[in-house]
Amino acid sequence: MFTTVDSNEKTIKHPTKRDADNSLDIDNSSFIEDKLPIIKQLSQFLEVSDDFFSLQLALYCLTLFLSIVITIVSCIFINFSFGLSVFIGSIIGILYLRLLAKSIGNLGKTSTGISKVQLLLPVCLFIFASRNELIEILPSIIGFFLFKPAMFYYFSRS
C-alpha cells in the first residue's frame, strides 16, 4: 500500500478508502499471489491458448462426463459391480488417452515415433479384472473404450 504526503497540506492521502493503521486489510491480488498459488496456477493452466491442449482438455472432460453418466445408469439399472467395472475401465481409458496425447505431443520435439508404453494399460486392466472378484472383465473393457464415443461426438459436431 502506497501513501502519499503533500508537504503543503500536511495530510496523508491513501489510494483507497482503507485505514492505514488497520493491518488486517489484505489486497485481493496480493492475497491470491501470496496465499493461494494453486488458484493462480490453475487459472494459468486453463487459460492456455494452445489448440492441441484445449482439444485434450475437452476430450478428457467429455470422456469423464460420459463415463460418470454411464456408470450411474449401469449402477441403477444393472448392478453395482457392473457400474464399478465400467468406471474403473473408463479411468484407465482416460489415462491411456493422456499417455497417447503426451507421446503425440512429443513428436518432432524429443522423439520420432509414438511410445508403446500406453499399450500396457489395457493389458494391466485385463489382468486386474481377471484376478479381482469385484471387477468384471467385459464391463471394464467397455469402460476403457468410452473415450471413443466421446471423440466421435467431439469431432462430429465441428
Protein backbone atom coordinates (compact mmCIF):
# COMPACT_ATOMS: atom_id res chain seq x y z
CA MET A 1 0.00 0.00 0.00
CA PHE A 2 1.43 3.34 -1.03
CA THR A 3 0.88 6.51 0.95
CA THR A 4 1.44 9.97 -0.47
CA VAL A 5 2.15 13.00 1.66
CA ASP A 6 1.66 16.52 0.37
CA SER A 7 4.14 18.76 2.18
CA ASN A 8 1.99 21.86 1.60
CA GLU A 9 -1.18 20.42 3.14
CA LYS A 10 0.47 18.12 5.70
CA THR A 11 -2.20 15.49 5.14
CA ILE A 12 -1.87 11.83 4.35
CA LYS A 13 -3.71 10.54 1.32
CA HIS A 14 -4.38 6.84 0.75
CA PRO A 15 -5.18 5.48 -2.71
CA THR A 16 -8.09 3.50 -1.26
CA LYS A 17 -10.57 4.23 1.49
CA ARG A 18 -8.94 1.81 3.91
CA ASP A 19 -7.49 2.82 7.24
CA ALA A 20 -3.69 2.82 7.14
CA ASP A 21 -3.49 1.57 10.73
CA ASN A 22 -5.62 -1.49 10.03
CA SER A 23 -3.14 -4.23 9.21
CA LEU A 24 -5.83 -6.88 8.69
CA ASP A 25 -6.87 -5.48 5.31
CA ILE A 26 -5.33 -7.51 2.51
CA ASP A 27 -5.32 -6.59 -1.14
CA ASN A 28 -7.10 -9.31 -3.15
CA SER A 29 -4.45 -9.57 -5.83
CA SER A 30 -1.61 -9.97 -3.36
CA PHE A 31 -3.70 -12.45 -1.38
CA ILE A 32 -4.16 -14.63 -4.46
CA GLU A 33 -0.49 -14.38 -5.39
CA ASP A 34 0.88 -14.96 -1.89
CA LYS A 35 -1.61 -17.21 -0.16
CA LEU A 36 -3.21 -19.19 -2.96
CA PRO A 37 -0.64 -20.08 -5.63
CA ILE A 38 -2.72 -23.13 -6.56
CA ILE A 39 -5.55 -20.92 -7.83
CA LYS A 40 -3.10 -18.86 -9.87
CA GLN A 41 -1.53 -21.97 -11.39
CA LEU A 42 -4.95 -23.47 -12.13
CA SER A 43 -6.09 -20.29 -13.87
CA GLN A 44 -2.90 -20.25 -15.96
CA PHE A 45 -3.42 -23.95 -16.73
CA LEU A 46 -6.94 -23.36 -18.03
CA GLU A 47 -6.12 -20.17 -19.97
CA VAL A 48 -3.66 -21.78 -22.36
CA SER A 49 -4.44 -20.84 -25.96
CA ASP A 50 -2.81 -23.91 -27.47
CA ASP A 51 -5.29 -25.71 -29.71
CA PHE A 52 -3.90 -29.17 -29.01
CA PHE A 53 -4.10 -28.59 -25.26
CA SER A 54 -7.69 -27.32 -25.46
CA LEU A 55 -8.60 -30.36 -27.58
CA GLN A 56 -7.09 -32.67 -24.96
CA LEU A 57 -8.88 -30.92 -22.12
CA ALA A 58 -12.22 -31.05 -23.94
CA LEU A 59 -11.81 -34.76 -24.69
CA TYR A 60 -10.85 -35.57 -21.09
CA CYS A 61 -13.81 -33.67 -19.69
CA LEU A 62 -16.23 -35.15 -22.21
CA THR A 63 -14.97 -38.68 -21.55
CA LEU A 64 -15.19 -38.20 -17.80
CA PHE A 65 -18.72 -36.83 -18.06
CA LEU A 66 -19.78 -39.72 -20.30
CA SER A 67 -18.21 -42.29 -18.01
CA ILE A 68 -19.91 -40.83 -14.92
CA VAL A 69 -23.30 -40.86 -16.64
CA ILE A 70 -22.88 -44.43 -17.91
CA THR A 71 -21.59 -45.57 -14.51
CA ILE A 72 -24.59 -44.12 -12.68
CA VAL A 73 -27.04 -45.57 -15.19
CA SER A 74 -25.42 -49.00 -15.07
CA CYS A 75 -25.31 -48.97 -11.25
CA ILE A 76 -29.02 -48.19 -11.14
CA PHE A 77 -30.29 -50.49 -13.88
CA ILE A 78 -27.80 -53.39 -13.91
CA ASN A 79 -25.80 -53.74 -10.67
CA PHE A 80 -23.06 -52.08 -8.65
CA SER A 81 -20.28 -54.42 -9.81
CA PHE A 82 -21.03 -53.67 -13.47
CA GLY A 83 -21.02 -49.91 -12.82
CA LEU A 84 -17.79 -50.06 -10.84
CA SER A 85 -16.15 -52.08 -13.60
CA VAL A 86 -17.22 -49.54 -16.22
CA PHE A 87 -15.91 -46.67 -14.12
CA ILE A 88 -12.52 -48.28 -13.48
CA GLY A 89 -12.21 -49.10 -17.16
CA SER A 90 -13.07 -45.54 -18.13
CA ILE A 91 -10.46 -44.11 -15.76
CA ILE A 92 -7.85 -46.41 -17.32
CA GLY A 93 -9.11 -45.26 -20.74
CA ILE A 94 -8.60 -41.61 -19.78
CA LEU A 95 -5.07 -42.43 -18.60
CA TYR A 96 -4.46 -44.24 -21.90
CA LEU A 97 -5.69 -41.20 -23.80
CA ARG A 98 -3.42 -38.94 -21.73
CA LEU A 99 -0.34 -41.07 -22.40
CA LEU A 100 -1.19 -41.23 -26.09
CA ALA A 101 -1.62 -37.45 -26.28
CA LYS A 102 1.64 -36.93 -24.40
CA SER A 103 3.58 -39.11 -26.84
CA ILE A 104 1.92 -37.40 -29.81
CA GLY A 105 2.77 -34.01 -28.31
CA ASN A 106 6.44 -35.03 -28.17
CA LEU A 107 6.57 -35.98 -31.85
CA GLY A 108 9.20 -33.95 -33.60
CA LYS A 109 10.49 -32.40 -30.37
CA THR A 110 12.12 -35.26 -28.50
CA SER A 111 11.01 -38.40 -30.33
CA THR A 112 10.46 -39.63 -33.85
CA GLY A 113 7.79 -42.24 -33.05
CA ILE A 114 4.88 -42.91 -30.75
CA SER A 115 5.69 -44.65 -27.49
CA LYS A 116 4.23 -48.09 -26.82
CA VAL A 117 4.06 -47.68 -23.03
CA GLN A 118 0.35 -46.83 -23.12
CA LEU A 119 -0.38 -50.29 -24.53
CA LEU A 120 0.41 -51.74 -21.10
CA LEU A 121 -2.70 -50.10 -19.62
CA PRO A 122 -5.33 -52.33 -21.32
CA VAL A 123 -3.21 -55.42 -20.57
CA CYS A 124 -2.94 -54.44 -16.90
CA LEU A 125 -6.67 -53.69 -16.81
CA PHE A 126 -7.47 -57.13 -18.22
CA ILE A 127 -5.15 -58.84 -15.71
CA PHE A 128 -6.55 -56.80 -12.81
CA ALA A 129 -10.15 -57.54 -13.81
CA SER A 130 -9.48 -61.25 -14.23
CA ARG A 131 -7.85 -61.56 -10.78
CA ASN A 132 -10.31 -59.41 -8.86
CA GLU A 133 -13.75 -60.77 -7.92
CA LEU A 134 -15.42 -57.38 -7.67
CA ILE A 135 -14.40 -56.19 -11.15
CA GLU A 136 -15.81 -57.84 -14.27
CA ILE A 137 -13.78 -58.12 -17.46
CA LEU A 138 -16.31 -57.17 -20.17
CA PRO A 139 -17.69 -54.01 -18.48
CA SER A 140 -14.18 -52.80 -17.68
CA ILE A 141 -13.16 -53.21 -21.33
CA ILE A 142 -16.35 -51.39 -22.37
CA GLY A 143 -15.44 -48.61 -19.93
CA PHE A 144 -11.92 -48.50 -21.32
CA PHE A 145 -13.24 -47.72 -24.79
CA LEU A 146 -15.62 -44.94 -23.64
CA PHE A 147 -13.17 -42.33 -24.90
CA LYS A 148 -14.02 -43.38 -28.47
CA PRO A 149 -17.71 -42.26 -28.39
CA ALA A 150 -16.55 -39.01 -26.77
CA MET A 151 -14.11 -38.49 -29.64
CA PHE A 152 -16.79 -39.31 -32.24
CA TYR A 153 -19.15 -36.80 -30.66
CA TYR A 154 -16.50 -34.09 -30.37
CA PHE A 155 -15.33 -34.38 -33.97
CA SER A 156 -18.78 -34.83 -35.48
CA ARG A 157 -20.06 -31.54 -34.10
CA SER A 158 -17.33 -29.40 -35.69
